[in-house]
Amino acid sequence: MSNSSIYVDTPEQLNQACEQLSQCKVLAVDTEFHRETTYYPEFALMQIYGDGQCWLIDPIALHDLTPVWDVLCNPNILKVFHAARQDMEIILKESGKLPLPLFDTQVAAALLGLGQQIGFGNLVQRIAKKELAKGESFSDWMSRPLRKKQLEYAADDVIWLMPIYQHLTERLEARGRLTWLDEEQSKLCDLKTYQEDSNALMWRVKGVNKLKGRALTILRELASWREEQAKARNLPRRRLIADEPLLEIARRDKLDLEGLKRIRGLNNGSIRRFGEDLLQVWKKASNMPEDTWPKARKRSHHTTGTELRLELLDTLLRLKAEEGDISASILSSKSELADLASWGKQRIMPEPDLPCLQGWRRELVGNDLLHLLHGETSLRIDPNTGNPVIEKREQS
């Protein structure tokens, strides 16, 4: 397969490219970006492939990408990505819209038992028997001019994306799983997914589970303050202030500038820049009324016999995964299965709100898990094969 491409870095070339792209029914799309030293990704290159032609669009040279956003946000054109989340974030930030409808080949591969988070190179190797070059994975995509090998590497990411999409679509359709893909991609296609929940920021702080009450409230406000500052300065949040000192500040019953100086991870420069702000956030949060405090996440307290029930449920889950040619981990995590096993002791309604009991997962495995907990299904060893099998119990 040819990896020839057209490099686009003038408005005239962009208009010509978009005119041709707008005629396509399906486009393969990828982006190159850096994010190591910034809060927002530094958008370095966009690759688009359609109807046998690859276009490499330079967002550094082009200040107005409106024509390409019009194409990508056209609801009559399907956009194909691999591991779309970060590409979606870039397009949303730059255009204000999501490029819908979409097809994520990583998600599709997971639904066909090819691995829950398979890399694009591995997927191409397994399906197309082609080994893609890896040497440019950590290239400096912001420097100009881009080298020939970089351009070839970037083009391959969308040129080979198209046959992978076609192969996965055929297999999903043959197995009746295209509706599963729609379910799995629904979060990717929801604007709320990309809107930051300030109350959820604290749960990402390493060690948050050690806090409760007023300390957790202080951490919530500190995490929100850090996020705002990181955005304003376009810095990674942990480069601004790491998690460990943030957690230590939240623990303090008393705090002043001298106290800040004694916290590991806060250097003199950080204290000069942010010391007074940190003290104000700490003081404000310390005085918040108790009814505004966040509730600590409940730890699972499993009922007696949970471990034994979990082993049975896990065996059934793996049998159904093997039968459906799909990874067991995409059906349910061990912690979710443990919650179901604990609920199975009493079986009081409502049912637990777990992914394995919703949508296509319920159809594939969830109902069987419930039948097992209700004693309506059993597991036995097949004397001929020596393997466990699922058996429905006859009703008397």
Protein backbone atom coordinates (compact mmCIF):
# COMPACT_ATOMS: atom_id res chain seq x y z
CA MET A 1 0.00 0.00 0.00
CA SER A 2 1.43 3.40 -1.00
CA ASN A 3 2.11 5.95 1.71
CA SER A 4 2.31 8.95 -0.63
CA SER A 5 0.84 12.08 0.85
CA ILE A 6 0.31 15.77 0.20
CA TYR A 7 1.70 18.25 2.75
CA VAL A 8 -0.68 21.14 3.33
CA ASP A 9 0.70 24.39 4.75
CA THR A 10 -1.00 27.17 2.75
CA PRO A 11 -4.64 28.35 2.76
CA GLU A 12 -4.92 27.53 -0.96
CA GLN A 13 -3.76 23.95 -0.42
CA LEU A 14 -6.09 23.62 2.56
CA ASN A 15 -9.13 24.72 0.57
CA GLN A 16 -8.23 22.31 -2.23
CA ALA A 17 -7.75 19.44 0.22
CA CYS A 18 -11.01 20.11 2.04
CA GLU A 19 -12.93 20.35 -1.19
CA GLN A 20 -11.84 16.80 -2.03
CA LEU A 21 -12.25 15.50 1.53
CA SER A 22 -15.81 16.83 1.71
CA GLN A 23 -16.76 14.39 -1.07
CA CYS A 24 -15.69 11.34 0.95
CA LYS A 25 -18.10 9.12 2.91
CA VAL A 26 -15.40 7.85 5.31
CA LEU A 27 -12.21 9.56 6.51
CA ALA A 28 -9.36 8.11 8.55
CA VAL A 29 -8.04 10.74 10.98
CA ASP A 30 -5.11 11.09 13.37
CA THR A 31 -3.20 13.87 15.09
CA GLU A 32 0.33 14.39 16.34
CA PHE A 33 0.82 16.49 19.45
CA HIS A 34 3.03 17.11 22.47
CA ARG A 35 1.78 17.28 26.05
CA GLU A 36 4.79 16.71 28.27
CA THR A 37 5.35 20.35 29.28
CA THR A 38 1.90 21.92 28.81
CA TYR A 39 -1.61 21.60 30.20
CA TYR A 40 -3.20 21.72 26.76
CA PRO A 41 -1.83 19.50 23.98
CA GLU A 42 0.41 21.31 21.51
CA PHE A 43 -1.26 20.53 18.19
CA ALA A 44 1.50 19.72 15.69
CA LEU A 45 0.00 17.84 12.71
CA MET A 46 -3.26 16.38 11.42
CA GLN A 47 -3.38 13.42 9.06
CA ILE A 48 -6.52 12.67 7.03
CA TYR A 49 -6.97 9.88 4.49
CA GLY A 50 -9.91 9.42 2.15
CA ASP A 51 -10.59 7.95 -1.29
CA GLY A 52 -6.98 6.88 -1.78
CA GLN A 53 -5.34 10.17 -0.88
CA CYS A 54 -3.53 11.19 2.32
CA TRP A 55 -3.30 14.81 3.42
CA LEU A 56 -0.89 16.05 6.11
CA ILE A 57 -2.21 19.35 7.44
CA ASP A 58 0.16 21.70 9.28
CA PRO A 59 -1.70 23.59 12.06
CA ILE A 60 1.44 25.57 12.92
CA ALA A 61 1.69 27.12 9.46
CA LEU A 62 -2.08 27.49 9.05
CA HIS A 63 -3.77 29.90 11.43
CA ASP A 64 -7.33 29.26 10.24
CA LEU A 65 -8.42 25.61 10.03
CA THR A 66 -12.11 26.37 9.62
CA PRO A 67 -12.35 24.45 6.31
CA VAL A 68 -11.04 21.24 7.88
CA TRP A 69 -13.30 21.59 10.94
CA ASP A 70 -16.27 21.97 8.59
CA VAL A 71 -15.33 18.66 6.96
CA LEU A 72 -14.65 16.77 10.20
CA CYS A 73 -17.83 17.98 11.86
CA ASN A 74 -20.00 17.10 8.85
CA PRO A 75 -22.56 14.58 10.18
CA ASN A 76 -22.70 12.85 6.77
CA ILE A 77 -19.04 11.78 6.91
CA LEU A 78 -17.84 8.96 9.18
CA LYS A 79 -14.53 9.70 10.93
CA VAL A 80 -12.30 6.75 11.83
CA PHE A 81 -9.78 7.03 14.69
CA HIS A 82 -7.67 4.67 16.74
CA ALA A 83 -7.88 5.44 20.49
CA ALA A 84 -9.87 8.58 19.73
CA ARG A 85 -10.06 10.28 23.13
CA GLN A 86 -7.08 12.64 22.85
CA ASP A 87 -7.74 13.38 19.17
CA MET A 88 -11.30 14.30 20.13
CA GLU A 89 -10.05 16.64 22.86
CA ILE A 90 -7.80 18.46 20.39
CA ILE A 91 -10.52 18.83 17.77
CA LEU A 92 -13.06 19.99 20.36
CA LYS A 93 -10.63 22.59 21.76
CA GLU A 94 -9.68 23.88 18.31
CA SER A 95 -13.13 23.81 16.67
CA GLY A 96 -15.62 23.85 19.53
CA LYS A 97 -17.31 20.71 18.11
CA LEU A 98 -16.94 16.94 18.19
CA PRO A 99 -16.18 15.18 14.88
CA LEU A 100 -19.25 12.95 14.80
CA PRO A 101 -20.13 10.31 13.78
CA LEU A 102 -16.98 8.33 14.58
CA PHE A 103 -15.58 4.81 14.58
CA ASP A 104 -12.82 3.94 17.08
CA THR A 105 -10.81 0.94 15.90
CA GLN A 106 -9.38 0.33 19.39
CA VAL A 107 -12.87 0.00 20.84
CA ALA A 108 -13.98 -2.17 17.91
CA ALA A 109 -10.96 -4.45 18.35
CA ALA A 110 -11.78 -4.94 22.04
CA LEU A 111 -15.30 -6.08 21.13
CA LEU A 112 -13.78 -8.74 18.88
CA GLY A 113 -11.42 -10.18 21.48
CA LEU A 114 -8.26 -8.53 20.09
CA GLY A 115 -7.29 -6.92 23.39
CA GLN A 116 -8.88 -4.18 25.45
CA GLN A 117 -6.36 -1.45 24.60
CA ILE A 118 -4.41 -2.81 21.66
CA GLY A 119 -1.93 -0.41 20.05
CA PHE A 120 -2.37 0.58 16.43
CA GLY A 121 0.90 -0.99 15.28
CA ASN A 122 -0.01 -4.32 16.89
CA LEU A 123 -3.48 -4.19 15.34
CA VAL A 124 -2.07 -3.56 11.85
CA GLN A 125 0.39 -6.41 12.31
CA ARG A 126 -2.32 -8.84 13.42
CA ILE A 127 -4.86 -7.94 10.74
CA ALA A 128 -2.85 -6.69 7.75
CA LYS A 129 0.40 -8.59 8.50
CA LYS A 130 2.26 -5.30 8.06
CA GLU A 131 4.90 -4.05 10.51
CA LEU A 132 4.78 -0.27 10.76
CA ALA A 133 7.93 1.74 11.43
CA LYS A 134 8.32 2.72 15.09
CA GLY A 135 11.33 5.02 14.95
CA GLU A 136 9.36 8.29 14.98
CA SER A 137 7.10 7.57 17.97
CA PHE A 138 8.83 10.22 20.10
CA SER A 139 9.79 12.67 17.37
CA ASP A 140 9.70 16.40 17.93
CA TRP A 141 6.56 17.13 15.91
CA MET A 142 6.69 20.86 16.67
CA SER A 143 9.99 21.45 14.85
CA ARG A 144 9.99 22.48 11.20
CA PRO A 145 10.66 21.30 8.60
CA LEU A 146 9.41 17.80 9.35
CA ARG A 147 11.70 15.07 8.05
CA LYS A 148 10.69 12.63 5.31
CA LYS A 149 10.61 9.72 7.75
CA GLN A 150 8.32 11.67 10.08
CA LEU A 151 5.91 12.39 7.24
CA GLU A 152 5.90 8.74 6.15
CA TYR A 153 5.30 7.61 9.72
CA ALA A 154 2.43 10.09 10.13
CA ALA A 155 0.86 9.09 6.81
CA ASP A 156 0.99 5.38 7.68
CA ASP A 157 -1.14 6.05 10.75
CA VAL A 158 -4.14 6.91 8.57
CA ILE A 159 -3.39 5.02 5.35
CA TRP A 160 -3.43 1.72 7.25
CA LEU A 161 -6.30 2.84 9.44
CA MET A 162 -8.74 2.53 6.54
CA PRO A 163 -8.30 -1.23 5.80
CA ILE A 164 -8.31 -1.94 9.55
CA TYR A 165 -11.64 -0.11 9.85
CA GLN A 166 -13.06 -2.07 6.91
CA HIS A 167 -11.91 -5.40 8.36
CA LEU A 168 -13.28 -4.67 11.84
CA THR A 169 -16.59 -3.42 10.45
CA GLU A 170 -17.10 -6.62 8.50
CA ARG A 171 -16.34 -8.75 11.55
CA LEU A 172 -18.58 -6.70 13.86
CA GLU A 173 -21.40 -6.88 11.35
CA ALA A 174 -20.97 -10.64 10.90
CA ARG A 175 -21.19 -11.12 14.66
CA GLY A 176 -24.06 -8.68 15.19
CA ARG A 177 -21.94 -6.38 17.35
CA LEU A 178 -22.21 -3.03 15.58
CA THR A 179 -24.82 -1.94 18.16
CA TRP A 180 -22.31 -2.88 20.87
CA LEU A 181 -19.86 -0.44 19.30
CA ASP A 182 -22.46 2.33 19.43
CA GLU A 183 -22.94 1.66 23.16
CA GLU A 184 -19.22 1.61 23.88
CA GLN A 185 -18.61 4.84 21.96
CA SER A 186 -21.52 6.75 23.48
CA LYS A 187 -19.27 8.30 26.15
CA LEU A 188 -16.72 9.38 23.53
CA CYS A 189 -19.53 11.09 21.64
CA ASP A 190 -20.89 12.97 24.67
CA LEU A 191 -19.75 16.55 25.25
CA LYS A 192 -20.03 16.02 29.01
CA THR A 193 -17.10 13.60 28.81
CA TYR A 194 -14.79 16.50 27.95
CA GLN A 195 -16.14 18.96 30.53
CA GLU A 196 -14.06 19.01 33.69
CA ASP A 197 -15.96 18.28 36.90
CA SER A 198 -14.22 20.40 39.54
CA ASN A 199 -15.58 18.21 42.33
CA ALA A 200 -14.00 15.14 40.73
CA LEU A 201 -10.47 16.60 40.53
CA MET A 202 -9.64 15.68 44.12
CA TRP A 203 -10.24 11.99 43.45
CA ARG A 204 -7.32 12.00 41.03
CA VAL A 205 -4.88 13.15 43.71
CA LYS A 206 -2.63 10.31 44.80
CA GLY A 207 -3.42 9.40 48.42
CA VAL A 208 -6.88 11.01 48.49
CA ASN A 209 -8.39 7.91 50.09
CA LYS A 210 -6.43 8.66 53.27
CA LEU A 211 -8.45 11.84 53.88
CA LYS A 212 -11.95 12.57 55.08
CA GLY A 213 -14.05 15.39 56.51
CA ARG A 214 -12.44 18.83 56.64
CA ALA A 215 -9.15 17.59 55.14
CA LEU A 216 -10.99 16.21 52.12
CA THR A 217 -12.78 19.54 51.72
CA ILE A 218 -9.47 21.39 51.75
CA LEU A 219 -8.06 19.00 49.16
CA ARG A 220 -11.12 19.54 46.94
CA GLU A 221 -10.56 23.31 46.96
CA LEU A 222 -6.80 22.99 46.50
CA ALA A 223 -7.23 20.63 43.54
CA SER A 224 -9.72 23.02 41.94
CA TRP A 225 -7.35 25.97 42.49
CA ARG A 226 -4.42 24.02 41.01
CA GLU A 227 -6.47 23.14 37.91
CA GLU A 228 -7.37 26.78 37.29
CA GLN A 229 -3.75 27.87 37.70
CA ALA A 230 -2.48 25.08 35.45
CA LYS A 231 -4.92 26.09 32.72
CA ALA A 232 -4.05 29.79 33.04
CA ARG A 233 -0.31 29.07 32.80
CA ASN A 234 -0.69 26.14 30.36
CA LEU A 235 1.38 23.90 32.61
CA PRO A 236 0.85 20.26 33.64
CA ARG A 237 -0.97 20.32 36.96
CA ARG A 238 1.66 18.24 38.75
CA ARG A 239 4.46 20.45 37.45
CA LEU A 240 2.74 23.41 39.07
CA ILE A 241 2.42 21.61 42.42
CA ALA A 242 2.78 17.86 42.87
CA ASP A 243 0.14 15.69 44.55
CA GLU A 244 2.17 14.97 47.70
CA PRO A 245 2.50 18.56 48.98
CA LEU A 246 -1.14 19.23 48.06
CA LEU A 247 -2.15 16.28 50.23
CA GLU A 248 0.09 17.44 53.08
CA ILE A 249 -1.40 20.96 53.02
CA ALA A 250 -4.89 19.47 53.23
CA ARG A 251 -3.92 17.46 56.32
CA ARG A 252 -2.72 20.47 58.34
CA ASP A 253 -4.81 21.76 61.25
CA LYS A 254 -2.79 24.99 61.30
CA LEU A 255 -0.92 26.62 58.45
CA ASP A 256 1.16 29.72 57.75
CA LEU A 257 4.05 30.63 55.44
CA GLU A 258 6.57 29.07 57.80
CA GLY A 259 4.50 25.88 57.81
CA LEU A 260 4.48 25.83 54.00
CA LYS A 261 8.29 26.04 53.96
CA ARG A 262 8.49 22.86 55.99
CA ILE A 263 6.44 20.82 53.46
CA ARG A 264 8.51 18.63 51.15
CA GLY A 265 7.91 19.31 47.48
CA LEU A 266 7.29 23.04 47.91
CA ASN A 267 10.42 25.00 46.98
CA ASN A 268 11.07 28.65 47.70
CA GLY A 269 10.03 29.67 44.20
CA SER A 270 6.65 27.93 44.55
CA ILE A 271 6.06 29.56 47.91
CA ARG A 272 6.95 33.00 46.56
CA ARG A 273 4.54 32.57 43.62
CA PHE A 274 1.70 30.67 45.25
CA GLY A 275 2.20 30.79 49.01
CA GLU A 276 -0.41 33.44 49.80
CA ASP A 277 -2.91 31.86 47.39
CA LEU A 278 -2.46 28.45 49.01
CA LEU A 279 -3.00 29.92 52.45
CA GLN A 280 -6.18 31.69 51.32
CA VAL A 281 -7.57 28.52 49.73
CA TRP A 282 -6.66 26.51 52.85
CA LYS A 283 -8.29 29.06 55.18
CA LYS A 284 -11.46 29.36 53.09
CA ALA A 285 -11.86 25.58 52.85
CA SER A 286 -11.13 25.10 56.57
CA ASN A 287 -14.08 27.34 57.43
CA MET A 288 -16.60 25.72 55.13
CA PRO A 289 -19.67 24.33 56.95
CA GLU A 290 -19.88 20.59 57.42
CA ASP A 291 -22.87 20.19 55.10
CA THR A 292 -20.60 21.25 52.18
CA TRP A 293 -17.95 18.63 52.90
CA PRO A 294 -17.53 15.91 50.29
CA LYS A 295 -18.28 12.39 51.39
CA ALA A 296 -15.41 9.95 51.41
CA ARG A 297 -15.82 7.10 48.99
CA LYS A 298 -17.33 4.09 50.63
CA ARG A 299 -15.07 1.12 50.88
CA SER A 300 -16.58 -2.17 49.90
CA HIS A 301 -17.61 -4.28 52.89
CA HIS A 302 -18.40 -7.61 51.36
CA THR A 303 -20.85 -10.07 52.88
CA THR A 304 -19.84 -13.48 54.15
CA GLY A 305 -19.19 -15.96 51.38
CA THR A 306 -18.33 -13.26 48.86
CA GLU A 307 -14.99 -14.83 47.94
CA LEU A 308 -16.58 -18.19 47.15
CA ARG A 309 -19.38 -16.60 45.12
CA LEU A 310 -16.79 -14.46 43.35
CA GLU A 311 -14.86 -17.53 42.24
CA LEU A 312 -18.02 -19.01 40.72
CA LEU A 313 -18.99 -15.75 39.02
CA ASP A 314 -15.45 -15.29 37.69
CA THR A 315 -15.45 -18.81 36.24
CA LEU A 316 -18.77 -18.18 34.51
CA LEU A 317 -17.53 -14.82 33.24
CA ARG A 318 -14.43 -16.38 31.70
CA LEU A 319 -16.49 -19.15 30.11
CA LYS A 320 -18.84 -16.61 28.52
CA ALA A 321 -15.87 -14.50 27.39
CA GLU A 322 -14.28 -17.52 25.73
CA GLU A 323 -17.59 -18.48 24.16
CA GLY A 324 -18.08 -14.93 22.86
CA ASP A 325 -14.43 -14.56 21.74
CA ILE A 326 -14.00 -11.43 23.83
CA SER A 327 -11.73 -10.35 26.66
CA ALA A 328 -13.16 -11.10 30.13
CA SER A 329 -11.82 -7.77 31.42
CA ILE A 330 -14.05 -5.79 29.05
CA LEU A 331 -17.10 -7.61 30.42
CA SER A 332 -16.41 -6.82 34.07
CA SER A 333 -13.59 -5.83 36.38
CA LYS A 334 -12.81 -7.99 39.42
CA SER A 335 -13.99 -5.25 41.80
CA GLU A 336 -17.37 -4.95 40.01
CA LEU A 337 -17.74 -8.73 40.06
CA ALA A 338 -16.93 -8.74 43.78
CA ASP A 339 -19.67 -6.17 44.39
CA LEU A 340 -22.11 -8.39 42.53
CA ALA A 341 -20.97 -11.42 44.53
CA SER A 342 -21.52 -9.48 47.78
CA TRP A 343 -25.00 -8.38 46.66
CA GLY A 344 -25.77 -11.99 45.81
CA LYS A 345 -25.86 -12.91 49.50
CA GLN A 346 -29.15 -11.04 50.07
CA ARG A 347 -30.35 -10.39 46.50
CA ILE A 348 -32.43 -7.44 47.62
CA MET A 349 -33.68 -5.05 44.98
CA PRO A 350 -32.68 -2.90 43.27
CA GLU A 351 -29.90 -4.67 41.44
CA PRO A 352 -26.46 -3.09 41.82
CA ASP A 353 -25.64 -0.46 39.20
CA LEU A 354 -22.83 -2.31 37.43
CA PRO A 355 -21.74 -2.23 33.75
CA CYS A 356 -22.02 -6.02 33.45
CA LEU A 357 -25.76 -5.72 34.13
CA GLN A 358 -26.34 -3.10 31.43
CA GLY A 359 -26.71 -3.05 27.66
CA TRP A 360 -24.96 -5.67 25.57
CA ARG A 361 -22.97 -6.92 28.57
CA ARG A 362 -26.17 -7.93 30.33
CA GLU A 363 -27.27 -9.75 27.21
CA LEU A 364 -23.96 -11.57 26.83
CA VAL A 365 -23.14 -12.38 30.45
CA GLY A 366 -25.11 -10.32 32.99
CA ASN A 367 -28.28 -12.40 32.93
CA ASP A 368 -26.23 -15.59 33.35
CA LEU A 369 -24.43 -14.11 36.34
CA LEU A 370 -27.78 -13.29 37.95
CA HIS A 371 -29.14 -16.76 37.16
CA LEU A 372 -26.10 -18.26 38.89
CA LEU A 373 -26.62 -16.09 41.98
CA HIS A 374 -30.33 -17.00 42.01
CA GLY A 375 -29.55 -20.71 41.83
CA GLU A 376 -31.15 -21.01 38.39
CA THR A 377 -27.86 -21.93 36.69
CA SER A 378 -25.04 -24.18 37.84
CA LEU A 379 -21.47 -24.93 36.84
CA ARG A 380 -20.26 -28.48 36.41
CA ILE A 381 -17.31 -30.34 34.97
CA ASP A 382 -17.92 -32.06 31.65
CA PRO A 383 -16.64 -35.65 32.14
CA ASN A 384 -15.70 -35.88 28.45
CA THR A 385 -13.60 -32.72 28.22
CA GLY A 386 -12.75 -32.02 31.84
CA ASN A 387 -13.78 -28.41 31.31
CA PRO A 388 -16.35 -26.44 33.33
CA VAL A 389 -19.67 -25.86 31.58
CA ILE A 390 -22.75 -23.77 32.34
CA GLU A 391 -25.94 -25.71 32.89
CA LYS A 392 -29.46 -24.41 33.45
CA ARG A 393 -31.26 -26.09 36.30
CA GLU A 394 -34.58 -27.73 35.55
CA GLN A 395 -37.50 -26.11 37.33
CA SER A 396 -39.51 -28.53 39.46
